[in-house]
Amino acid sequence: MDPMNDLIEWNDATWNPIRGCTKVSPGCDNCYAARLATRWNRAPGQPYERGFEPREVPENLDQPLRWKRPRRILVASMGDLFHEDIDATFVRQVFETMLVAQWHVYQVLTRRPERMRELVRGLPRELADQPHIWMGVSVEDRAHGVPRIDVLREVPAAVRFVCVEPLLEDLGELDLTGIHGVAVGGESGARARPMHAEWVQAIRRQCEAQDVAFFFKGWGGARRELTGRFLDGKTWAQLPRGGGAVEDSPWRA
């Protein structure tokens, strides 16, 4: 079982055909995946015997095919599918699995949108432009994160989403043209950096104005189970239109 299953509110499962990553921006400073990987046994044959070095895990490629119940799956929760050390041929195999196991919804998230754009543009259209394959970028601040949204717009996809986590500052005015959903969350762990309510509220208002689904994942902190998911007295759990095969995926919660 993947340890991230208990930490993610907006999907039902995680699938790791790759493991490991390297840091690219301030949002990576307190990376939960790297932190979790260090807790695993590094003995030979264990998942993180080589630490957090990026690598392909071909034995995990068929995992979604073995899950018969439809799930909303975060792809590569313990890494980045578009890391430069992951071979393009292997990335294509991941997309081929997603096309075959189309009773699931897949959330493919990256902090490397330029490589996502390059590789996805090189795929046959039927592999990527599918309503059950969501393409997304992580955003944490104005300098590093917000420009990824512009690149995401250039990625062939039926559903595009933005994961603003950890939110480290006010993002200012956002152009959400071509974006179908935004999820926002605070940083978790003992070194969590603070997130202010007005930053989240500003994003929510912009989502409402631009007719984009808004999902609030929670305030984060050292014990995120205590800080909760309420924003302005309620939970926000909207998901994009065209959500594919998961029947309980609401557009408006």
C-alpha atoms as a PDB file:
ATOM      1  CA  MET A   1       0.000   0.000   0.000  1.00  0.00           C
ATOM      2  CA  ASP A   2       1.220   3.489  -0.860  1.00  0.00           C
ATOM      3  CA  PRO A   3       1.582   5.721   2.229  1.00  0.00           C
ATOM      4  CA  MET A   4       0.146   8.661   0.302  1.00  0.00           C
ATOM      5  CA  ASN A   5      -3.334   7.099   0.177  1.00  0.00           C
ATOM      6  CA  ASP A   6      -4.117   8.517   3.613  1.00  0.00           C
ATOM      7  CA  LEU A   7      -2.873  12.026   2.759  1.00  0.00           C
ATOM      8  CA  ILE A   8      -4.748  12.851  -0.430  1.00  0.00           C
ATOM      9  CA  GLU A   9      -8.383  13.924  -0.234  1.00  0.00           C
ATOM     10  CA  TRP A  10      -9.216  14.269  -3.901  1.00  0.00           C
ATOM     11  CA  ASN A  11      -8.403  10.797  -5.185  1.00  0.00           C
ATOM     12  CA  ASP A  12      -8.977   7.206  -4.145  1.00  0.00           C
ATOM     13  CA  ALA A  13      -5.612   5.609  -4.922  1.00  0.00           C
ATOM     14  CA  THR A  14      -2.042   6.246  -5.992  1.00  0.00           C
ATOM     15  CA  TRP A  15      -0.051   4.449  -8.681  1.00  0.00           C
ATOM     16  CA  ASN A  16       3.727   4.598  -8.866  1.00  0.00           C
ATOM     17  CA  PRO A  17       5.143   3.265 -12.143  1.00  0.00           C
ATOM     18  CA  ILE A  18       8.149   5.443 -11.272  1.00  0.00           C
ATOM     19  CA  ARG A  19       9.747   6.370  -7.952  1.00  0.00           C
ATOM     20  CA  GLY A  20      12.001   9.191  -6.863  1.00  0.00           C
ATOM     21  CA  CYS A  21      12.643  12.779  -7.894  1.00  0.00           C
ATOM     22  CA  THR A  22      14.956  15.798  -7.522  1.00  0.00           C
ATOM     23  CA  LYS A  23      14.020  19.285  -6.324  1.00  0.00           C
ATOM     24  CA  VAL A  24      13.280  22.015  -8.870  1.00  0.00           C
ATOM     25  CA  SER A  25      11.641  24.909  -6.959  1.00  0.00           C
ATOM     26  CA  PRO A  26      10.682  26.186  -3.460  1.00  0.00           C
ATOM     27  CA  GLY A  27       7.609  23.952  -3.355  1.00  0.00           C
ATOM     28  CA  CYS A  28       9.962  20.971  -3.199  1.00  0.00           C
ATOM     29  CA  ASP A  29      11.878  22.157  -0.122  1.00  0.00           C
ATOM     30  CA  ASN A  30       9.904  20.011   2.338  1.00  0.00           C
ATOM     31  CA  CYS A  31       8.884  17.305  -0.153  1.00  0.00           C
ATOM     32  CA  TYR A  32       6.511  14.833   1.533  1.00  0.00           C
ATOM     33  CA  ALA A  33       7.474  12.040  -0.890  1.00  0.00           C
ATOM     34  CA  ALA A  34      11.186  12.331  -0.135  1.00  0.00           C
ATOM     35  CA  ARG A  35      10.371  12.454   3.555  1.00  0.00           C
ATOM     36  CA  LEU A  36       8.239   9.329   3.353  1.00  0.00           C
ATOM     37  CA  ALA A  37      10.823   7.500   1.264  1.00  0.00           C
ATOM     38  CA  THR A  38      13.429   7.925   3.993  1.00  0.00           C
ATOM     39  CA  ARG A  39      11.163   6.031   6.385  1.00  0.00           C
ATOM     40  CA  TRP A  40      11.100   2.948   4.174  1.00  0.00           C
ATOM     41  CA  ASN A  41      13.511   0.096   4.719  1.00  0.00           C
ATOM     42  CA  ARG A  42      16.501   0.605   2.386  1.00  0.00           C
ATOM     43  CA  ALA A  43      17.463  -3.058   2.484  1.00  0.00           C
ATOM     44  CA  PRO A  44      17.964  -4.826  -0.889  1.00  0.00           C
ATOM     45  CA  GLY A  45      14.676  -5.567  -2.603  1.00  0.00           C
ATOM     46  CA  GLN A  46      12.721  -2.834  -0.785  1.00  0.00           C
ATOM     47  CA  PRO A  47      11.013  -0.012  -2.767  1.00  0.00           C
ATOM     48  CA  TYR A  48      13.530   2.647  -1.736  1.00  0.00           C
ATOM     49  CA  GLU A  49      16.698   0.587  -1.493  1.00  0.00           C
ATOM     50  CA  ARG A  50      18.362   3.242  -3.686  1.00  0.00           C
ATOM     51  CA  GLY A  51      16.932   6.130  -1.713  1.00  0.00           C
ATOM     52  CA  PHE A  52      14.965   8.721  -3.672  1.00  0.00           C
ATOM     53  CA  GLU A  53      16.875   8.316  -6.933  1.00  0.00           C
ATOM     54  CA  PRO A  54      14.457   8.648  -9.912  1.00  0.00           C
ATOM     55  CA  ARG A  55      13.834   5.316 -11.575  1.00  0.00           C
ATOM     56  CA  GLU A  56      11.271   3.372 -13.554  1.00  0.00           C
ATOM     57  CA  VAL A  57       9.303   0.573 -11.877  1.00  0.00           C
ATOM     58  CA  PRO A  58       8.143  -1.646 -14.766  1.00  0.00           C
ATOM     59  CA  GLU A  59       6.659  -4.247 -12.428  1.00  0.00           C
ATOM     60  CA  ASN A  60       4.051  -1.649 -11.425  1.00  0.00           C
ATOM     61  CA  LEU A  61       2.941  -0.813 -14.965  1.00  0.00           C
ATOM     62  CA  ASP A  62      -0.075  -3.145 -14.945  1.00  0.00           C
ATOM     63  CA  GLN A  63      -1.348  -2.266 -11.465  1.00  0.00           C
ATOM     64  CA  PRO A  64      -4.423  -0.290 -12.668  1.00  0.00           C
ATOM     65  CA  LEU A  65      -5.448  -3.262 -14.809  1.00  0.00           C
ATOM     66  CA  ARG A  66      -5.700  -5.343 -11.640  1.00  0.00           C
ATOM     67  CA  TRP A  67      -7.994  -2.818  -9.926  1.00  0.00           C
ATOM     68  CA  LYS A  68     -11.486  -3.680 -11.122  1.00  0.00           C
ATOM     69  CA  ARG A  69     -13.358  -1.080  -9.099  1.00  0.00           C
ATOM     70  CA  PRO A  70     -13.188   2.382 -10.740  1.00  0.00           C
ATOM     71  CA  ARG A  71     -10.832   4.699  -8.879  1.00  0.00           C
ATOM     72  CA  ARG A  72      -9.537   8.238  -9.116  1.00  0.00           C
ATOM     73  CA  ILE A  73      -5.775   7.669  -9.274  1.00  0.00           C
ATOM     74  CA  LEU A  74      -2.885  10.075  -8.674  1.00  0.00           C
ATOM     75  CA  VAL A  75      -0.089   8.973 -10.988  1.00  0.00           C
ATOM     76  CA  ALA A  76       3.455   8.957  -9.552  1.00  0.00           C
ATOM     77  CA  SER A  77       2.662  10.323  -6.096  1.00  0.00           C
ATOM     78  CA  MET A  78       6.213   9.375  -5.055  1.00  0.00           C
ATOM     79  CA  GLY A  79       7.978  11.072  -7.953  1.00  0.00           C
ATOM     80  CA  ASP A  80       7.507  12.985 -11.205  1.00  0.00           C
ATOM     81  CA  LEU A  81       6.609  11.050 -14.348  1.00  0.00           C
ATOM     82  CA  PHE A  82       8.227  13.758 -16.473  1.00  0.00           C
ATOM     83  CA  HIS A  83      11.559  13.829 -14.666  1.00  0.00           C
ATOM     84  CA  GLU A  84      14.408  14.035 -17.176  1.00  0.00           C
ATOM     85  CA  ASP A  85      15.778  10.668 -16.000  1.00  0.00           C
ATOM     86  CA  ILE A  86      12.575   8.833 -16.988  1.00  0.00           C
ATOM     87  CA  ASP A  87      12.781   7.471 -20.533  1.00  0.00           C
ATOM     88  CA  ALA A  88      10.211   8.766 -23.035  1.00  0.00           C
ATOM     89  CA  THR A  89       9.413   5.216 -24.134  1.00  0.00           C
ATOM     90  CA  PHE A  90       8.494   4.293 -20.568  1.00  0.00           C
ATOM     91  CA  VAL A  91       6.273   7.368 -20.272  1.00  0.00           C
ATOM     92  CA  ARG A  92       4.433   6.193 -23.371  1.00  0.00           C
ATOM     93  CA  GLN A  93       3.907   2.783 -21.746  1.00  0.00           C
ATOM     94  CA  VAL A  94       2.317   4.513 -18.760  1.00  0.00           C
ATOM     95  CA  PHE A  95      -0.121   6.282 -21.080  1.00  0.00           C
ATOM     96  CA  GLU A  96      -0.867   3.033 -22.891  1.00  0.00           C
ATOM     97  CA  THR A  97      -1.833   1.453 -19.567  1.00  0.00           C
ATOM     98  CA  MET A  98      -4.106   4.384 -18.767  1.00  0.00           C
ATOM     99  CA  LEU A  99      -5.812   4.061 -22.151  1.00  0.00           C
ATOM    100  CA  VAL A 100      -6.506   0.349 -21.640  1.00  0.00           C
ATOM    101  CA  ALA A 101      -7.665   0.676 -18.009  1.00  0.00           C
ATOM    102  CA  GLN A 102     -10.058   3.472 -18.882  1.00  0.00           C
ATOM    103  CA  TRP A 103     -12.564   2.670 -16.128  1.00  0.00           C
ATOM    104  CA  HIS A 104     -10.309   4.738 -13.844  1.00  0.00           C
ATOM    105  CA  VAL A 105      -9.645   8.499 -13.799  1.00  0.00           C
ATOM    106  CA  TYR A 106      -5.939   9.433 -13.764  1.00  0.00           C
ATOM    107  CA  GLN A 107      -4.426  12.640 -12.400  1.00  0.00           C
ATOM    108  CA  VAL A 108      -0.981  13.161 -13.964  1.00  0.00           C
ATOM    109  CA  LEU A 109       0.787  15.934 -12.035  1.00  0.00           C
ATOM    110  CA  THR A 110       4.202  17.514 -12.665  1.00  0.00           C
ATOM    111  CA  ARG A 111       6.534  20.385 -11.792  1.00  0.00           C
ATOM    112  CA  ARG A 112       8.219  19.867 -15.163  1.00  0.00           C
ATOM    113  CA  PRO A 113       5.551  21.103 -17.599  1.00  0.00           C
ATOM    114  CA  GLU A 114       7.966  21.706 -20.469  1.00  0.00           C
ATOM    115  CA  ARG A 115       8.871  18.038 -20.629  1.00  0.00           C
ATOM    116  CA  MET A 116       5.219  17.095 -20.156  1.00  0.00           C
ATOM    117  CA  ARG A 117       4.363  19.270 -23.157  1.00  0.00           C
ATOM    118  CA  GLU A 118       7.180  17.805 -25.230  1.00  0.00           C
ATOM    119  CA  LEU A 119       6.404  14.162 -24.511  1.00  0.00           C
ATOM    120  CA  VAL A 120       2.612  14.379 -24.630  1.00  0.00           C
ATOM    121  CA  ARG A 121       2.726  16.237 -27.946  1.00  0.00           C
ATOM    122  CA  GLY A 122       4.770  13.320 -29.266  1.00  0.00           C
ATOM    123  CA  LEU A 123       2.133  10.742 -28.330  1.00  0.00           C
ATOM    124  CA  PRO A 124      -0.684   9.574 -30.613  1.00  0.00           C
ATOM    125  CA  ARG A 125      -3.675  11.780 -29.839  1.00  0.00           C
ATOM    126  CA  GLU A 126      -5.763   8.868 -28.531  1.00  0.00           C
ATOM    127  CA  LEU A 127      -3.231   8.245 -25.755  1.00  0.00           C
ATOM    128  CA  ALA A 128      -3.418  11.645 -24.121  1.00  0.00           C
ATOM    129  CA  ASP A 129      -6.542  13.528 -25.172  1.00  0.00           C
ATOM    130  CA  GLN A 130      -8.936  11.398 -23.111  1.00  0.00           C
ATOM    131  CA  PRO A 131     -11.556  12.573 -20.581  1.00  0.00           C
ATOM    132  CA  HIS A 132     -10.309  10.060 -18.002  1.00  0.00           C
ATOM    133  CA  ILE A 133      -6.687  11.312 -18.187  1.00  0.00           C
ATOM    134  CA  TRP A 134      -6.265  14.645 -16.408  1.00  0.00           C
ATOM    135  CA  MET A 135      -3.044  16.596 -16.971  1.00  0.00           C
ATOM    136  CA  GLY A 136      -1.891  18.963 -14.239  1.00  0.00           C
ATOM    137  CA  VAL A 137       0.884  21.130 -12.842  1.00  0.00           C
ATOM    138  CA  SER A 138       1.931  21.976  -9.307  1.00  0.00           C
ATOM    139  CA  VAL A 139       2.002  25.666  -8.388  1.00  0.00           C
ATOM    140  CA  GLU A 140       3.419  27.136  -5.196  1.00  0.00           C
ATOM    141  CA  ASP A 141       4.329  30.780  -5.898  1.00  0.00           C
ATOM    142  CA  ARG A 142       4.308  33.503  -8.533  1.00  0.00           C
ATOM    143  CA  ALA A 143       7.879  33.166  -9.786  1.00  0.00           C
ATOM    144  CA  HIS A 144       8.160  29.404 -10.260  1.00  0.00           C
ATOM    145  CA  GLY A 145       4.629  28.056 -10.134  1.00  0.00           C
ATOM    146  CA  VAL A 146       2.287  30.406 -11.988  1.00  0.00           C
ATOM    147  CA  PRO A 147       4.254  30.266 -15.295  1.00  0.00           C
ATOM    148  CA  ARG A 148       3.614  26.501 -15.370  1.00  0.00           C
ATOM    149  CA  ILE A 149      -0.063  27.217 -16.015  1.00  0.00           C
ATOM    150  CA  ASP A 150       0.776  28.830 -19.363  1.00  0.00           C
ATOM    151  CA  VAL A 151       2.747  25.740 -20.384  1.00  0.00           C
ATOM    152  CA  LEU A 152      -0.056  23.426 -19.253  1.00  0.00           C
ATOM    153  CA  ARG A 153      -2.447  25.179 -21.642  1.00  0.00           C
ATOM    154  CA  GLU A 154      -0.227  23.947 -24.490  1.00  0.00           C
ATOM    155  CA  VAL A 155      -0.446  20.286 -23.417  1.00  0.00           C
ATOM    156  CA  PRO A 156      -2.960  18.218 -25.435  1.00  0.00           C
ATOM    157  CA  ALA A 157      -5.539  17.153 -22.848  1.00  0.00           C
ATOM    158  CA  ALA A 158      -9.285  16.844 -22.388  1.00  0.00           C
ATOM    159  CA  VAL A 159      -9.014  17.896 -18.718  1.00  0.00           C
ATOM    160  CA  ARG A 160      -6.347  20.199 -17.239  1.00  0.00           C
ATOM    161  CA  PHE A 161      -5.953  20.930 -13.535  1.00  0.00           C
ATOM    162  CA  VAL A 162      -3.723  22.955 -11.244  1.00  0.00           C
ATOM    163  CA  CYS A 163      -2.612  21.747  -7.826  1.00  0.00           C
ATOM    164  CA  VAL A 164      -1.683  24.745  -5.693  1.00  0.00           C
ATOM    165  CA  GLU A 165       0.153  22.929  -2.925  1.00  0.00           C
ATOM    166  CA  PRO A 166       1.942  24.055  -0.917  1.00  0.00           C
ATOM    167  CA  LEU A 167       0.559  27.554  -1.380  1.00  0.00           C
ATOM    168  CA  LEU A 168       3.413  29.796  -0.227  1.00  0.00           C
ATOM    169  CA  GLU A 169       2.162  33.287  -1.097  1.00  0.00           C
ATOM    170  CA  ASP A 170      -0.620  35.302  -2.689  1.00  0.00           C
ATOM    171  CA  LEU A 171      -0.622  34.282  -6.358  1.00  0.00           C
ATOM    172  CA  GLY A 172      -2.185  37.488  -7.613  1.00  0.00           C
ATOM    173  CA  GLU A 173      -4.369  37.542 -10.717  1.00  0.00           C
ATOM    174  CA  LEU A 174      -4.619  34.157 -12.463  1.00  0.00           C
ATOM    175  CA  ASP A 175      -5.568  33.400 -16.047  1.00  0.00           C
ATOM    176  CA  LEU A 176      -7.400  30.066 -15.831  1.00  0.00           C
ATOM    177  CA  THR A 177      -8.370  29.883 -19.490  1.00  0.00           C
ATOM    178  CA  GLY A 178      -8.278  26.244 -20.572  1.00  0.00           C
ATOM    179  CA  ILE A 179      -8.045  25.021 -16.959  1.00  0.00           C
ATOM    180  CA  HIS A 180     -10.871  22.842 -15.647  1.00  0.00           C
ATOM    181  CA  GLY A 181     -10.041  22.463 -11.954  1.00  0.00           C
ATOM    182  CA  VAL A 182      -7.900  23.951  -9.186  1.00  0.00           C
ATOM    183  CA  ALA A 183      -7.029  22.254  -5.892  1.00  0.00           C
ATOM    184  CA  VAL A 184      -5.431  24.234  -3.058  1.00  0.00           C
ATOM    185  CA  GLY A 185      -3.688  22.997   0.064  1.00  0.00           C
ATOM    186  CA  GLY A 186      -1.232  24.002   2.743  1.00  0.00           C
ATOM    187  CA  GLU A 187       2.101  22.366   3.432  1.00  0.00           C
ATOM    188  CA  SER A 188       2.177  19.464   5.885  1.00  0.00           C
ATOM    189  CA  GLY A 189       4.848  18.238   8.274  1.00  0.00           C
ATOM    190  CA  ALA A 190       6.877  19.650  11.132  1.00  0.00           C
ATOM    191  CA  ARG A 191       8.503  22.294   8.886  1.00  0.00           C
ATOM    192  CA  ALA A 192       5.283  23.406   7.221  1.00  0.00           C
ATOM    193  CA  ARG A 193       5.311  27.006   6.020  1.00  0.00           C
ATOM    194  CA  PRO A 194       2.194  29.040   6.844  1.00  0.00           C
ATOM    195  CA  MET A 195      -0.701  29.554   4.424  1.00  0.00           C
ATOM    196  CA  HIS A 196      -3.007  32.546   4.889  1.00  0.00           C
ATOM    197  CA  ALA A 197      -6.759  32.358   4.409  1.00  0.00           C
ATOM    198  CA  GLU A 198      -6.879  35.425   2.163  1.00  0.00           C
ATOM    199  CA  TRP A 199      -4.557  33.704  -0.343  1.00  0.00           C
ATOM    200  CA  VAL A 200      -6.937  30.750  -0.599  1.00  0.00           C
ATOM    201  CA  GLN A 201     -10.034  32.942  -0.732  1.00  0.00           C
ATOM    202  CA  ALA A 202      -8.566  34.948  -3.619  1.00  0.00           C
ATOM    203  CA  ILE A 203      -8.028  31.764  -5.637  1.00  0.00           C
ATOM    204  CA  ARG A 204     -11.535  30.520  -4.850  1.00  0.00           C
ATOM    205  CA  ARG A 205     -13.092  33.796  -6.008  1.00  0.00           C
ATOM    206  CA  GLN A 206     -11.146  33.643  -9.266  1.00  0.00           C
ATOM    207  CA  CYS A 207     -12.241  30.052  -9.846  1.00  0.00           C
ATOM    208  CA  GLU A 208     -15.872  31.054  -9.339  1.00  0.00           C
ATOM    209  CA  ALA A 209     -15.519  34.041 -11.687  1.00  0.00           C
ATOM    210  CA  GLN A 210     -13.923  31.897 -14.416  1.00  0.00           C
ATOM    211  CA  ASP A 211     -16.195  28.849 -13.932  1.00  0.00           C
ATOM    212  CA  VAL A 212     -13.385  26.552 -12.780  1.00  0.00           C
ATOM    213  CA  ALA A 213     -13.923  23.776 -10.234  1.00  0.00           C
ATOM    214  CA  PHE A 214     -12.374  24.553  -6.826  1.00  0.00           C
ATOM    215  CA  PHE A 215     -11.216  21.906  -4.347  1.00  0.00           C
ATOM    216  CA  PHE A 216      -9.778  22.832  -0.945  1.00  0.00           C
ATOM    217  CA  LYS A 217      -7.521  20.062   0.334  1.00  0.00           C
ATOM    218  CA  GLY A 218      -6.865  21.523   3.776  1.00  0.00           C
ATOM    219  CA  TRP A 219      -4.729  23.859   5.864  1.00  0.00           C
ATOM    220  CA  GLY A 220      -1.797  21.502   6.362  1.00  0.00           C
ATOM    221  CA  GLY A 221       0.540  21.969   9.291  1.00  0.00           C
ATOM    222  CA  ALA A 222       2.376  19.548  11.539  1.00  0.00           C
ATOM    223  CA  ARG A 223      -0.880  17.671  12.255  1.00  0.00           C
ATOM    224  CA  ARG A 224      -3.125  18.316   9.272  1.00  0.00           C
ATOM    225  CA  GLU A 225      -5.832  16.049  10.665  1.00  0.00           C
ATOM    226  CA  LEU A 226      -6.397  18.734  13.317  1.00  0.00           C
ATOM    227  CA  THR A 227      -6.375  21.796  11.049  1.00  0.00           C
ATOM    228  CA  GLY A 228      -9.114  20.415   8.820  1.00  0.00           C
ATOM    229  CA  ARG A 229     -10.573  21.350   5.440  1.00  0.00           C
ATOM    230  CA  PHE A 230     -13.092  24.070   6.263  1.00  0.00           C
ATOM    231  CA  LEU A 231     -12.822  27.336   4.344  1.00  0.00           C
ATOM    232  CA  ASP A 232     -15.314  30.073   5.179  1.00  0.00           C
ATOM    233  CA  GLY A 233     -17.325  27.594   7.218  1.00  0.00           C
ATOM    234  CA  LYS A 234     -17.691  24.824   4.631  1.00  0.00           C
ATOM    235  CA  THR A 235     -15.816  22.230   2.620  1.00  0.00           C
ATOM    236  CA  TRP A 236     -15.124  22.767  -1.080  1.00  0.00           C
ATOM    237  CA  ALA A 237     -14.911  19.576  -3.122  1.00  0.00           C
ATOM    238  CA  GLN A 238     -15.647  20.488  -6.734  1.00  0.00           C
ATOM    239  CA  LEU A 239     -14.065  18.417  -9.501  1.00  0.00           C
ATOM    240  CA  PRO A 240     -13.726  19.141 -13.233  1.00  0.00           C
ATOM    241  CA  ARG A 241     -16.308  18.379 -15.853  1.00  0.00           C
ATOM    242  CA  GLY A 242     -15.615  15.390 -18.062  1.00  0.00           C
ATOM    243  CA  GLY A 243     -14.356  13.350 -15.149  1.00  0.00           C
ATOM    244  CA  GLY A 244     -14.433  10.033 -16.963  1.00  0.00           C
ATOM    245  CA  ALA A 245     -15.487   6.747 -15.391  1.00  0.00           C
ATOM    246  CA  VAL A 246     -15.679   7.537 -11.665  1.00  0.00           C
ATOM    247  CA  GLU A 247     -19.412   7.920 -11.153  1.00  0.00           C
ATOM    248  CA  ASP A 248     -19.220   9.760  -7.835  1.00  0.00           C
ATOM    249  CA  SER A 249     -17.053  12.588  -9.208  1.00  0.00           C
ATOM    250  CA  PRO A 250     -19.202  15.716  -8.708  1.00  0.00           C
ATOM    251  CA  TRP A 251     -18.855  18.901 -10.714  1.00  0.00           C
ATOM    252  CA  ARG A 252     -20.435  20.982  -7.999  1.00  0.00           C
ATOM    253  CA  ALA A 253     -20.303  19.704  -4.428  1.00  0.00           C
END
